[in-house]
Amino acid sequence: MNDPAIRVEEQIISLFPDRETRIFQGWILKKMDRHLMVYPLYYKFSQGDIHDNIRKCEEISRQSGMDCVFRIVEHTNYYLSSILTDNGYGLKKCGVVAEWNFIGNLCIEGKQQVRLFLKNRSGKNEEYVMTDADTVIGIKRQGLLFLLDGKMPCVNIEDIVRFSVEKGVTQILADIPERDELPEGYERVGFCRAYLYRCYQKEDMKNEFTE
């Protein structure tokens, strides 16, 4: 199992405490927008158990009026991807998670290009990181910042790192869709590639509940 990646996925999942969550046979099911996201992070099953668990997740998603999407981290659940494919699932999305940890002094050349600020979430421990244009860049909880979409045309990664250090952030995680390596600029400011993930959705369930 890829224990470091599983711990990072746990951190990301915990940043959305207001989204309905349930545990089923060690799999985490979380309602995210119009999808029931399935995070199969724990435990090993026989192939028969896996088929039963997939059907149960589909049943829960139908009851909720949502698409069922499985998010699988590399080097975990070696057989689940092929079982999903055999059961009519296709690759919906892939991406890479990048990680940055603050160690020692930070020196980034150039001036701040985009102004960023924090917006408190009423009654929550999390804060939004925003631009002047009211674009949400990420979610901050204590010393952790999670970038919702690492492909950011409106702000560069250097500005985010500078801002993060000013606000006491010691760890940044970035979900970067449609990539298997880090975009240009990430390595320059100290990010590393944490892991690759793939999301699978059943072909005949796509858009079933989105009309």
N, C-alpha and C. Protein backbone atom coordinates (compact mmCIF):
# COMPACT_ATOMS: atom_id res chain seq x y z
N MET A 1 0.83 -1.20 0.00
CA MET A 1 0.00 0.00 0.00
C MET A 1 0.86 1.25 0.00
N ASN A 2 0.35 2.31 -0.58
CA ASN A 2 1.05 3.59 -0.65
C ASN A 2 0.64 4.45 0.54
N ASP A 3 1.20 4.13 1.72
CA ASP A 3 0.77 4.79 2.95
C ASP A 3 0.95 6.31 2.93
N PRO A 4 2.08 6.86 2.43
CA PRO A 4 2.19 8.33 2.39
C PRO A 4 1.09 8.99 1.58
N ALA A 5 0.74 8.40 0.43
CA ALA A 5 -0.33 8.97 -0.39
C ALA A 5 -1.67 8.87 0.31
N ILE A 6 -1.92 7.77 1.00
CA ILE A 6 -3.18 7.60 1.71
C ILE A 6 -3.31 8.66 2.81
N ARG A 7 -2.22 8.96 3.50
CA ARG A 7 -2.27 10.00 4.54
C ARG A 7 -2.59 11.37 3.94
N VAL A 8 -2.03 11.65 2.76
CA VAL A 8 -2.33 12.94 2.10
C VAL A 8 -3.79 12.98 1.66
N GLU A 9 -4.30 11.88 1.10
CA GLU A 9 -5.72 11.84 0.73
C GLU A 9 -6.60 12.08 1.95
N GLU A 10 -6.23 11.53 3.09
CA GLU A 10 -6.99 11.76 4.31
C GLU A 10 -7.00 13.24 4.68
N GLN A 11 -5.86 13.91 4.51
CA GLN A 11 -5.81 15.34 4.78
C GLN A 11 -6.76 16.12 3.88
N ILE A 12 -6.76 15.77 2.59
CA ILE A 12 -7.63 16.46 1.64
C ILE A 12 -9.10 16.22 1.96
N ILE A 13 -9.46 14.98 2.25
CA ILE A 13 -10.84 14.65 2.57
C ILE A 13 -11.31 15.42 3.80
N SER A 14 -10.43 15.57 4.79
CA SER A 14 -10.81 16.22 6.05
C SER A 14 -11.09 17.71 5.88
N LEU A 15 -10.67 18.30 4.75
CA LEU A 15 -10.91 19.72 4.52
C LEU A 15 -12.34 20.03 4.10
N PHE A 16 -13.17 19.01 3.94
CA PHE A 16 -14.56 19.20 3.55
C PHE A 16 -15.49 18.55 4.58
N PRO A 17 -15.42 19.01 5.84
CA PRO A 17 -16.21 18.35 6.89
C PRO A 17 -17.71 18.56 6.75
N ASP A 18 -18.12 19.58 6.00
CA ASP A 18 -19.54 19.86 5.85
C ASP A 18 -20.19 18.98 4.78
N ARG A 19 -19.41 18.23 4.03
CA ARG A 19 -19.97 17.33 3.02
C ARG A 19 -20.29 15.98 3.68
N GLU A 20 -21.49 15.48 3.38
CA GLU A 20 -21.92 14.23 4.00
C GLU A 20 -20.94 13.10 3.69
N THR A 21 -20.55 12.37 4.73
CA THR A 21 -19.53 11.33 4.60
C THR A 21 -20.00 10.06 5.31
N ARG A 22 -19.67 8.94 4.72
CA ARG A 22 -19.93 7.66 5.39
C ARG A 22 -18.81 6.70 5.06
N ILE A 23 -18.63 5.72 5.94
CA ILE A 23 -17.60 4.68 5.75
C ILE A 23 -18.31 3.37 5.44
N PHE A 24 -17.86 2.74 4.36
CA PHE A 24 -18.44 1.45 3.99
C PHE A 24 -17.32 0.47 3.70
N GLN A 25 -17.17 -0.52 4.57
CA GLN A 25 -16.15 -1.56 4.41
C GLN A 25 -14.76 -0.96 4.22
N GLY A 26 -14.47 0.13 4.93
CA GLY A 26 -13.15 0.75 4.81
C GLY A 26 -13.03 1.72 3.66
N TRP A 27 -14.06 1.84 2.81
CA TRP A 27 -14.07 2.83 1.74
C TRP A 27 -14.78 4.08 2.24
N ILE A 28 -14.23 5.24 1.92
CA ILE A 28 -14.83 6.51 2.31
C ILE A 28 -15.72 7.01 1.17
N LEU A 29 -16.98 7.26 1.48
CA LEU A 29 -17.94 7.78 0.49
C LEU A 29 -18.29 9.21 0.89
N LYS A 30 -18.08 10.15 -0.02
CA LYS A 30 -18.29 11.56 0.31
C LYS A 30 -19.05 12.24 -0.83
N LYS A 31 -20.09 12.97 -0.46
CA LYS A 31 -20.87 13.71 -1.45
C LYS A 31 -20.13 15.00 -1.80
N MET A 32 -19.70 15.10 -3.05
CA MET A 32 -18.95 16.27 -3.53
C MET A 32 -19.66 16.82 -4.76
N ASP A 33 -20.32 17.97 -4.58
CA ASP A 33 -21.09 18.56 -5.67
C ASP A 33 -22.13 17.55 -6.18
N ARG A 34 -22.05 17.18 -7.45
CA ARG A 34 -23.05 16.26 -8.00
C ARG A 34 -22.55 14.82 -8.03
N HIS A 35 -21.46 14.54 -7.35
CA HIS A 35 -20.88 13.21 -7.39
C HIS A 35 -20.82 12.60 -6.00
N LEU A 36 -20.96 11.30 -5.95
CA LEU A 36 -20.61 10.53 -4.76
C LEU A 36 -19.20 10.02 -4.99
N MET A 37 -18.23 10.63 -4.33
CA MET A 37 -16.83 10.23 -4.50
C MET A 37 -16.53 9.06 -3.59
N VAL A 38 -15.95 8.01 -4.16
CA VAL A 38 -15.56 6.83 -3.39
C VAL A 38 -14.04 6.80 -3.31
N TYR A 39 -13.53 6.84 -2.08
CA TYR A 39 -12.09 6.79 -1.83
C TYR A 39 -11.77 5.42 -1.23
N PRO A 40 -11.35 4.45 -2.02
CA PRO A 40 -11.07 3.10 -1.50
C PRO A 40 -9.68 3.03 -0.88
N LEU A 41 -9.54 3.61 0.30
CA LEU A 41 -8.21 3.77 0.89
C LEU A 41 -7.76 2.59 1.73
N TYR A 42 -8.70 1.86 2.32
CA TYR A 42 -8.30 0.89 3.34
C TYR A 42 -8.77 -0.53 3.01
N TYR A 43 -8.10 -1.48 3.63
CA TYR A 43 -8.46 -2.89 3.61
C TYR A 43 -8.34 -3.53 2.23
N LYS A 44 -8.16 -4.82 2.27
CA LYS A 44 -8.08 -5.61 1.05
C LYS A 44 -9.26 -6.57 1.02
N PHE A 45 -9.77 -6.80 -0.17
CA PHE A 45 -10.94 -7.65 -0.33
C PHE A 45 -10.64 -8.74 -1.35
N SER A 46 -11.43 -9.80 -1.28
CA SER A 46 -11.42 -10.75 -2.38
C SER A 46 -12.16 -10.12 -3.55
N GLN A 47 -12.00 -10.67 -4.72
CA GLN A 47 -12.67 -10.09 -5.89
C GLN A 47 -14.18 -10.10 -5.72
N GLY A 48 -14.73 -11.15 -5.08
CA GLY A 48 -16.16 -11.19 -4.85
C GLY A 48 -16.62 -10.05 -3.97
N ASP A 49 -15.86 -9.75 -2.91
CA ASP A 49 -16.19 -8.64 -2.02
C ASP A 49 -16.16 -7.32 -2.78
N ILE A 50 -15.17 -7.14 -3.66
CA ILE A 50 -15.04 -5.89 -4.40
C ILE A 50 -16.27 -5.66 -5.28
N HIS A 51 -16.73 -6.70 -5.98
CA HIS A 51 -17.92 -6.58 -6.82
C HIS A 51 -19.13 -6.16 -5.98
N ASP A 52 -19.28 -6.78 -4.81
CA ASP A 52 -20.40 -6.43 -3.92
C ASP A 52 -20.29 -4.99 -3.45
N ASN A 53 -19.08 -4.55 -3.12
CA ASN A 53 -18.89 -3.18 -2.64
C ASN A 53 -19.18 -2.16 -3.74
N ILE A 54 -18.78 -2.46 -4.97
CA ILE A 54 -19.06 -1.55 -6.09
C ILE A 54 -20.56 -1.40 -6.26
N ARG A 55 -21.29 -2.52 -6.23
CA ARG A 55 -22.74 -2.46 -6.39
C ARG A 55 -23.39 -1.67 -5.26
N LYS A 56 -22.88 -1.83 -4.04
CA LYS A 56 -23.43 -1.09 -2.91
C LYS A 56 -23.18 0.41 -3.07
N CYS A 57 -22.00 0.79 -3.51
CA CYS A 57 -21.70 2.20 -3.74
C CYS A 57 -22.61 2.78 -4.82
N GLU A 58 -22.85 2.01 -5.88
CA GLU A 58 -23.76 2.45 -6.94
C GLU A 58 -25.18 2.64 -6.41
N GLU A 59 -25.60 1.73 -5.55
CA GLU A 59 -26.94 1.84 -4.96
C GLU A 59 -27.06 3.10 -4.12
N ILE A 60 -26.04 3.38 -3.31
CA ILE A 60 -26.05 4.59 -2.48
C ILE A 60 -26.07 5.84 -3.35
N SER A 61 -25.31 5.83 -4.44
CA SER A 61 -25.27 7.00 -5.32
C SER A 61 -26.63 7.22 -5.99
N ARG A 62 -27.29 6.15 -6.39
CA ARG A 62 -28.61 6.29 -7.02
C ARG A 62 -29.63 6.85 -6.02
N GLN A 63 -29.58 6.37 -4.79
CA GLN A 63 -30.49 6.87 -3.76
C GLN A 63 -30.27 8.35 -3.49
N SER A 64 -29.03 8.79 -3.68
CA SER A 64 -28.70 10.20 -3.45
C SER A 64 -28.90 11.05 -4.70
N GLY A 65 -29.20 10.41 -5.85
CA GLY A 65 -29.36 11.15 -7.10
C GLY A 65 -28.04 11.70 -7.62
N MET A 66 -26.96 10.94 -7.44
CA MET A 66 -25.63 11.39 -7.82
C MET A 66 -24.91 10.37 -8.67
N ASP A 67 -23.93 10.83 -9.45
CA ASP A 67 -23.03 9.93 -10.16
C ASP A 67 -22.07 9.31 -9.16
N CYS A 68 -21.65 8.10 -9.41
CA CYS A 68 -20.69 7.39 -8.56
C CYS A 68 -19.31 7.44 -9.21
N VAL A 69 -18.35 8.01 -8.51
CA VAL A 69 -17.00 8.17 -9.05
C VAL A 69 -15.99 7.58 -8.06
N PHE A 70 -15.12 6.71 -8.57
CA PHE A 70 -14.07 6.10 -7.75
C PHE A 70 -12.75 6.83 -7.99
N ARG A 71 -12.11 7.26 -6.90
CA ARG A 71 -10.82 7.93 -7.00
C ARG A 71 -9.75 6.98 -6.45
N ILE A 72 -8.83 6.54 -7.32
CA ILE A 72 -7.85 5.52 -6.96
C ILE A 72 -6.45 6.11 -7.05
N VAL A 73 -5.72 5.98 -5.95
CA VAL A 73 -4.35 6.48 -5.86
C VAL A 73 -3.39 5.43 -6.39
N GLU A 74 -2.33 5.87 -7.06
CA GLU A 74 -1.37 4.93 -7.62
C GLU A 74 -0.74 4.06 -6.52
N HIS A 75 -0.43 2.84 -6.88
CA HIS A 75 0.19 1.86 -5.99
C HIS A 75 -0.73 1.47 -4.84
N THR A 76 -2.03 1.60 -5.04
CA THR A 76 -3.02 1.07 -4.10
C THR A 76 -4.09 0.36 -4.92
N ASN A 77 -4.77 -0.61 -4.32
CA ASN A 77 -5.89 -1.28 -4.99
C ASN A 77 -5.53 -1.70 -6.41
N TYR A 78 -4.53 -2.56 -6.51
CA TYR A 78 -3.97 -2.92 -7.81
C TYR A 78 -5.00 -3.51 -8.77
N TYR A 79 -6.00 -4.19 -8.25
CA TYR A 79 -6.96 -4.87 -9.12
C TYR A 79 -8.24 -4.09 -9.32
N LEU A 80 -8.47 -3.05 -8.52
CA LEU A 80 -9.75 -2.36 -8.57
C LEU A 80 -9.97 -1.66 -9.91
N SER A 81 -8.93 -1.06 -10.48
CA SER A 81 -9.09 -0.37 -11.76
C SER A 81 -9.59 -1.32 -12.85
N SER A 82 -8.99 -2.49 -12.93
CA SER A 82 -9.39 -3.45 -13.97
C SER A 82 -10.79 -4.00 -13.70
N ILE A 83 -11.14 -4.19 -12.42
CA ILE A 83 -12.49 -4.67 -12.09
C ILE A 83 -13.52 -3.61 -12.46
N LEU A 84 -13.22 -2.34 -12.18
CA LEU A 84 -14.14 -1.27 -12.56
C LEU A 84 -14.31 -1.23 -14.08
N THR A 85 -13.21 -1.37 -14.81
CA THR A 85 -13.27 -1.36 -16.27
C THR A 85 -14.13 -2.51 -16.79
N ASP A 86 -13.97 -3.69 -16.19
CA ASP A 86 -14.77 -4.85 -16.59
C ASP A 86 -16.25 -4.64 -16.28
N ASN A 87 -16.55 -3.73 -15.34
CA ASN A 87 -17.95 -3.48 -14.96
C ASN A 87 -18.51 -2.22 -15.62
N GLY A 88 -17.88 -1.79 -16.73
CA GLY A 88 -18.44 -0.70 -17.50
C GLY A 88 -17.97 0.68 -17.13
N TYR A 89 -16.94 0.78 -16.29
CA TYR A 89 -16.41 2.08 -15.90
C TYR A 89 -15.32 2.53 -16.87
N GLY A 90 -15.26 3.84 -17.08
CA GLY A 90 -14.22 4.43 -17.90
C GLY A 90 -13.46 5.48 -17.13
N LEU A 91 -12.30 5.84 -17.64
CA LEU A 91 -11.48 6.86 -16.99
C LEU A 91 -12.13 8.22 -17.19
N LYS A 92 -12.52 8.86 -16.09
CA LYS A 92 -13.18 10.16 -16.14
C LYS A 92 -12.17 11.29 -16.01
N LYS A 93 -11.17 11.10 -15.16
CA LYS A 93 -10.23 12.17 -14.83
C LYS A 93 -8.97 11.55 -14.25
N CYS A 94 -7.85 12.15 -14.54
CA CYS A 94 -6.61 11.77 -13.88
C CYS A 94 -5.88 13.05 -13.48
N GLY A 95 -4.95 12.91 -12.60
CA GLY A 95 -4.21 14.08 -12.16
C GLY A 95 -3.10 13.70 -11.21
N VAL A 96 -2.38 14.71 -10.77
CA VAL A 96 -1.27 14.49 -9.85
C VAL A 96 -1.45 15.41 -8.65
N VAL A 97 -1.08 14.93 -7.49
CA VAL A 97 -1.08 15.74 -6.28
C VAL A 97 0.36 16.15 -5.98
N ALA A 98 0.56 17.45 -5.82
CA ALA A 98 1.88 17.99 -5.51
C ALA A 98 1.92 18.43 -4.06
N GLU A 99 3.11 18.35 -3.46
CA GLU A 99 3.25 18.70 -2.04
C GLU A 99 4.44 19.63 -1.84
N TRP A 100 4.24 20.62 -0.98
CA TRP A 100 5.29 21.58 -0.62
C TRP A 100 5.34 21.69 0.89
N ASN A 101 6.54 21.61 1.46
CA ASN A 101 6.73 21.76 2.90
C ASN A 101 7.75 22.85 3.15
N PHE A 102 7.43 23.74 4.09
CA PHE A 102 8.31 24.87 4.40
C PHE A 102 9.43 24.41 5.31
N ILE A 103 10.66 24.54 4.82
CA ILE A 103 11.84 24.19 5.61
C ILE A 103 12.84 25.32 5.47
N GLY A 104 13.19 25.96 6.59
CA GLY A 104 14.20 27.01 6.58
C GLY A 104 13.70 28.29 5.95
N ASN A 105 14.62 29.06 5.41
CA ASN A 105 14.30 30.35 4.82
C ASN A 105 13.78 30.19 3.40
N LEU A 106 12.91 31.10 3.01
CA LEU A 106 12.35 31.08 1.66
C LEU A 106 12.80 32.31 0.91
N CYS A 107 13.33 32.11 -0.27
CA CYS A 107 13.76 33.24 -1.09
C CYS A 107 13.24 33.03 -2.51
N ILE A 108 12.25 33.85 -2.90
CA ILE A 108 11.68 33.79 -4.24
C ILE A 108 11.86 35.16 -4.88
N GLU A 109 12.50 35.17 -6.03
CA GLU A 109 12.76 36.43 -6.72
C GLU A 109 11.48 36.96 -7.37
N GLY A 110 11.47 38.27 -7.60
CA GLY A 110 10.33 38.90 -8.26
C GLY A 110 9.34 39.46 -7.26
N LYS A 111 8.40 40.25 -7.79
CA LYS A 111 7.40 40.90 -6.96
C LYS A 111 6.06 40.15 -7.03
N GLN A 112 5.27 40.38 -5.99
CA GLN A 112 3.94 39.80 -5.96
C GLN A 112 3.13 40.34 -7.13
N GLN A 113 2.52 39.43 -7.92
CA GLN A 113 1.77 39.83 -9.10
C GLN A 113 0.28 39.95 -8.83
N VAL A 114 -0.25 39.09 -7.96
CA VAL A 114 -1.68 39.05 -7.68
C VAL A 114 -1.90 39.15 -6.18
N ARG A 115 -2.81 40.02 -5.76
CA ARG A 115 -3.12 40.17 -4.35
C ARG A 115 -4.02 39.02 -3.91
N LEU A 116 -3.65 38.39 -2.80
CA LEU A 116 -4.44 37.31 -2.23
C LEU A 116 -4.87 37.69 -0.81
N PHE A 117 -5.99 37.14 -0.37
CA PHE A 117 -6.43 37.39 0.99
C PHE A 117 -7.25 36.20 1.49
N LEU A 118 -7.44 36.15 2.81
CA LEU A 118 -8.19 35.08 3.44
C LEU A 118 -9.62 35.53 3.73
N LYS A 119 -10.55 34.63 3.53
CA LYS A 119 -11.95 34.89 3.84
C LYS A 119 -12.41 33.83 4.82
N ASN A 120 -12.84 34.26 6.00
CA ASN A 120 -13.27 33.32 7.03
C ASN A 120 -14.57 32.63 6.63
N ARG A 121 -14.64 31.36 6.97
CA ARG A 121 -15.88 30.62 6.81
C ARG A 121 -16.62 30.67 8.13
N SER A 122 -17.80 31.20 8.14
CA SER A 122 -18.56 31.39 9.38
C SER A 122 -18.74 30.08 10.13
N GLY A 123 -18.23 30.06 11.37
CA GLY A 123 -18.39 28.89 12.21
C GLY A 123 -17.53 27.71 11.84
N LYS A 124 -16.58 27.89 10.93
CA LYS A 124 -15.74 26.79 10.47
C LYS A 124 -14.28 27.06 10.83
N ASN A 125 -13.48 25.99 10.83
CA ASN A 125 -12.04 26.13 11.07
C ASN A 125 -11.28 26.49 9.80
N GLU A 126 -11.94 26.34 8.65
CA GLU A 126 -11.27 26.58 7.38
C GLU A 126 -11.45 28.02 6.93
N GLU A 127 -10.51 28.46 6.10
CA GLU A 127 -10.60 29.77 5.46
C GLU A 127 -10.37 29.60 3.97
N TYR A 128 -11.04 30.44 3.18
CA TYR A 128 -10.80 30.45 1.74
C TYR A 128 -9.65 31.39 1.42
N VAL A 129 -8.81 30.98 0.47
CA VAL A 129 -7.81 31.88 -0.09
C VAL A 129 -8.39 32.43 -1.38
N MET A 130 -8.50 33.76 -1.47
CA MET A 130 -9.21 34.41 -2.56
C MET A 130 -8.30 35.40 -3.28
N THR A 131 -8.69 35.72 -4.52
CA THR A 131 -8.08 36.83 -5.25
C THR A 131 -9.03 38.03 -5.18
N ASP A 132 -8.56 39.18 -5.65
CA ASP A 132 -9.42 40.37 -5.68
C ASP A 132 -10.64 40.17 -6.56
N ALA A 133 -10.55 39.24 -7.49
CA ALA A 133 -11.67 38.96 -8.39
C ALA A 133 -12.64 37.94 -7.79
N ASP A 134 -12.49 37.68 -6.49
CA ASP A 134 -13.35 36.73 -5.78
C ASP A 134 -13.22 35.30 -6.30
N THR A 135 -12.08 34.99 -6.88
CA THR A 135 -11.79 33.62 -7.30
C THR A 135 -11.21 32.84 -6.13
N VAL A 136 -11.80 31.70 -5.82
CA VAL A 136 -11.30 30.85 -4.75
C VAL A 136 -10.09 30.06 -5.25
N ILE A 137 -8.94 30.25 -4.58
CA ILE A 137 -7.72 29.54 -4.95
C ILE A 137 -7.56 28.25 -4.16
N GLY A 138 -7.88 28.33 -2.87
CA GLY A 138 -7.68 27.15 -2.05
C GLY A 138 -8.37 27.26 -0.71
N ILE A 139 -8.17 26.24 0.10
CA ILE A 139 -8.73 26.17 1.45
C ILE A 139 -7.58 26.06 2.44
N LYS A 140 -7.60 26.89 3.47
CA LYS A 140 -6.55 26.89 4.50
C LYS A 140 -7.14 26.42 5.82
N ARG A 141 -6.45 25.48 6.43
CA ARG A 141 -6.79 25.06 7.79
C ARG A 141 -5.49 25.01 8.59
N GLN A 142 -5.37 25.92 9.52
CA GLN A 142 -4.16 26.03 10.33
C GLN A 142 -2.94 26.12 9.40
N GLY A 143 -2.00 25.17 9.51
CA GLY A 143 -0.79 25.27 8.71
C GLY A 143 -0.84 24.59 7.36
N LEU A 144 -2.03 24.15 6.95
CA LEU A 144 -2.19 23.45 5.67
C LEU A 144 -2.99 24.29 4.69
N LEU A 145 -2.51 24.37 3.47
CA LEU A 145 -3.26 25.00 2.38
C LEU A 145 -3.45 23.97 1.27
N PHE A 146 -4.70 23.82 0.83
CA PHE A 146 -5.02 22.91 -0.27
C PHE A 146 -5.47 23.72 -1.46
N LEU A 147 -4.76 23.58 -2.57
CA LEU A 147 -5.12 24.26 -3.82
C LEU A 147 -6.09 23.37 -4.59
N LEU A 148 -7.30 23.86 -4.79
CA LEU A 148 -8.35 23.05 -5.40
C LEU A 148 -8.02 22.64 -6.82
N ASP A 149 -7.38 23.52 -7.57
CA ASP A 149 -7.01 23.25 -8.96
C ASP A 149 -5.64 23.86 -9.20
N GLY A 150 -4.64 23.01 -9.33
CA GLY A 150 -3.27 23.49 -9.49
C GLY A 150 -2.99 24.14 -10.83
N LYS A 151 -3.93 24.05 -11.77
CA LYS A 151 -3.79 24.74 -13.06
C LYS A 151 -4.45 26.10 -12.94
N MET A 152 -3.68 27.10 -12.54
CA MET A 152 -4.24 28.40 -12.17
C MET A 152 -3.78 29.48 -13.15
N PRO A 153 -4.61 29.83 -14.11
CA PRO A 153 -4.19 30.85 -15.08
C PRO A 153 -4.16 32.26 -14.49
N CYS A 154 -4.87 32.49 -13.38
CA CYS A 154 -5.01 33.84 -12.84
C CYS A 154 -3.96 34.19 -11.79
N VAL A 155 -3.18 33.24 -11.34
CA VAL A 155 -2.19 33.52 -10.30
C VAL A 155 -1.05 32.51 -10.45
N ASN A 156 0.19 32.95 -10.18
CA ASN A 156 1.31 32.02 -10.30
C ASN A 156 1.65 31.40 -8.96
N ILE A 157 2.35 30.30 -9.01
CA ILE A 157 2.62 29.53 -7.80
C ILE A 157 3.56 30.27 -6.86
N GLU A 158 4.43 31.12 -7.38
CA GLU A 158 5.33 31.89 -6.52
C GLU A 158 4.54 32.81 -5.60
N ASP A 159 3.50 33.47 -6.13
CA ASP A 159 2.67 34.34 -5.30
C ASP A 159 1.99 33.56 -4.18
N ILE A 160 1.53 32.36 -4.50
CA ILE A 160 0.84 31.55 -3.50
C ILE A 160 1.81 31.13 -2.39
N VAL A 161 3.01 30.75 -2.76
CA VAL A 161 3.99 30.33 -1.76
C VAL A 161 4.35 31.51 -0.85
N ARG A 162 4.58 32.68 -1.44
CA ARG A 162 4.89 33.86 -0.62
C ARG A 162 3.76 34.14 0.37
N PHE A 163 2.55 34.16 -0.13
CA PHE A 163 1.38 34.43 0.70
C PHE A 163 1.25 33.39 1.80
N SER A 164 1.49 32.13 1.46
CA SER A 164 1.35 31.04 2.42
C SER A 164 2.31 31.22 3.59
N VAL A 165 3.54 31.55 3.29
CA VAL A 165 4.53 31.73 4.36
C VAL A 165 4.13 32.90 5.26
N GLU A 166 3.64 33.96 4.67
CA GLU A 166 3.18 35.12 5.46
C GLU A 166 2.05 34.74 6.41
N LYS A 167 1.21 33.78 6.02
CA LYS A 167 0.06 33.40 6.82
C LYS A 167 0.31 32.16 7.68
N GLY A 168 1.55 31.76 7.80
CA GLY A 168 1.89 30.65 8.69
C GLY A 168 1.64 29.27 8.14
N VAL A 169 1.50 29.16 6.83
CA VAL A 169 1.31 27.85 6.20
C VAL A 169 2.65 27.13 6.12
N THR A 170 2.67 25.88 6.53
CA THR A 170 3.90 25.08 6.47
C THR A 170 3.80 23.93 5.47
N GLN A 171 2.60 23.66 4.97
CA GLN A 171 2.41 22.59 3.99
C GLN A 171 1.37 23.03 2.97
N ILE A 172 1.68 22.82 1.69
CA ILE A 172 0.74 23.10 0.61
C ILE A 172 0.53 21.81 -0.19
N LEU A 173 -0.72 21.48 -0.44
CA LEU A 173 -1.08 20.38 -1.31
C LEU A 173 -1.84 20.94 -2.50
N ALA A 174 -1.53 20.47 -3.69
CA ALA A 174 -2.18 20.97 -4.90
C ALA A 174 -2.70 19.79 -5.72
N ASP A 175 -3.98 19.83 -6.04
CA ASP A 175 -4.59 18.84 -6.93
C ASP A 175 -4.50 19.41 -8.35
N ILE A 176 -3.73 18.75 -9.20
CA ILE A 176 -3.47 19.26 -10.54
C ILE A 176 -4.07 18.29 -11.56
N PRO A 177 -5.24 18.60 -12.11
CA PRO A 177 -5.90 17.67 -13.02
C PRO A 177 -5.21 17.59 -14.38
N GLU A 178 -5.45 16.45 -15.01
CA GLU A 178 -4.99 16.21 -16.39
C GLU A 178 -3.47 16.29 -16.53
N ARG A 179 -2.77 15.96 -15.49
CA ARG A 179 -1.30 15.94 -15.54
C ARG A 179 -0.80 14.69 -14.84
N ASP A 180 0.37 14.20 -15.26
CA ASP A 180 1.01 13.13 -14.52
C ASP A 180 2.37 13.57 -13.97
N GLU A 181 2.76 14.80 -14.29
CA GLU A 181 3.97 15.39 -13.73
C GLU A 181 3.66 16.83 -13.31
N LEU A 182 4.59 17.46 -12.60
CA LEU A 182 4.36 18.81 -12.11
C LEU A 182 4.42 19.83 -13.25
N PRO A 183 3.53 20.82 -13.23
CA PRO A 183 3.61 21.89 -14.22
C PRO A 183 4.88 22.72 -14.02
N GLU A 184 5.23 23.47 -15.03
CA GLU A 184 6.40 24.33 -14.96
C GLU A 184 6.25 25.32 -13.80
N GLY A 185 7.29 25.47 -13.05
CA GLY A 185 7.30 26.41 -11.94
C GLY A 185 7.15 25.77 -10.57
N TYR A 186 6.48 24.63 -10.51
CA TYR A 186 6.26 23.99 -9.21
C TYR A 186 7.58 23.51 -8.58
N GLU A 187 8.37 22.81 -9.35
CA GLU A 187 9.65 22.32 -8.81
C GLU A 187 10.57 23.46 -8.43
N ARG A 188 10.47 24.56 -9.15
CA ARG A 188 11.34 25.71 -8.90
C ARG A 188 11.15 26.29 -7.50
N VAL A 189 9.93 26.20 -6.97
CA VAL A 189 9.68 26.74 -5.63
C VAL A 189 9.62 25.65 -4.56
N GLY A 190 10.03 24.43 -4.94
CA GLY A 190 10.19 23.39 -3.92
C GLY A 190 9.10 22.35 -3.82
N PHE A 191 8.17 22.30 -4.77
CA PHE A 191 7.15 21.25 -4.75
C PHE A 191 7.73 19.92 -5.22
N CYS A 192 7.16 18.84 -4.74
CA CYS A 192 7.50 17.51 -5.24
C CYS A 192 6.21 16.80 -5.66
N ARG A 193 6.36 15.86 -6.54
CA ARG A 193 5.23 15.05 -6.99
C ARG A 193 4.93 14.02 -5.91
N ALA A 194 3.76 14.10 -5.30
CA ALA A 194 3.40 13.17 -4.24
C ALA A 194 2.88 11.85 -4.79
N TYR A 195 1.89 11.93 -5.70
CA TYR A 195 1.34 10.71 -6.29
C TYR A 195 0.38 11.07 -7.42
N LEU A 196 0.10 10.08 -8.23
CA LEU A 196 -0.87 10.17 -9.32
C LEU A 196 -2.19 9.55 -8.86
N TYR A 197 -3.29 10.06 -9.36
CA TYR A 197 -4.58 9.44 -9.07
C TYR A 197 -5.39 9.35 -10.36
N ARG A 198 -6.37 8.44 -10.35
CA ARG A 198 -7.29 8.29 -11.48
C ARG A 198 -8.71 8.16 -10.95
N CYS A 199 -9.64 8.79 -11.64
CA CYS A 199 -11.05 8.72 -11.27
C CYS A 199 -11.81 7.95 -12.34
N TYR A 200 -12.66 7.02 -11.91
CA TYR A 200 -13.42 6.17 -12.81
C TYR A 200 -14.91 6.38 -12.59
N GLN A 201 -15.65 6.46 -13.70
CA GLN A 201 -17.10 6.62 -13.64
C GLN A 201 -17.74 5.69 -14.66
N LYS A 202 -18.87 5.12 -14.29
CA LYS A 202 -19.55 4.20 -15.18
C LYS A 202 -20.09 4.93 -16.39
N GLU A 203 -19.83 4.40 -17.57
CA GLU A 203 -20.21 5.10 -18.80
C GLU A 203 -21.70 5.37 -18.88
N ASP A 204 -22.54 4.41 -18.50
CA ASP A 204 -23.98 4.61 -18.65
C ASP A 204 -24.57 5.42 -17.51
N MET A 205 -23.72 5.85 -16.54
CA MET A 205 -24.22 6.69 -15.44
C MET A 205 -23.82 8.15 -15.64
N LYS A 206 -22.94 8.45 -16.60
CA LYS A 206 -22.51 9.83 -16.82
C LYS A 206 -23.70 10.70 -17.19
N ASN A 207 -23.80 11.81 -16.50
CA ASN A 207 -24.84 12.82 -16.75
C ASN A 207 -26.26 12.30 -16.47
N GLU A 208 -26.36 11.14 -15.84
CA GLU A 208 -27.69 10.58 -15.59
C GLU A 208 -28.50 11.47 -14.65
N PHE A 209 -27.79 12.15 -13.72
CA PHE A 209 -28.49 12.96 -12.73
C PHE A 209 -28.18 14.44 -12.89
N THR A 210 -27.59 14.83 -14.00
CA THR A 210 -27.15 16.23 -14.14
C THR A 210 -28.02 17.05 -15.06
N GLU A 211 -29.07 16.48 -15.60
CA GLU A 211 -29.92 17.24 -16.51
C GLU A 211 -30.88 18.15 -15.72
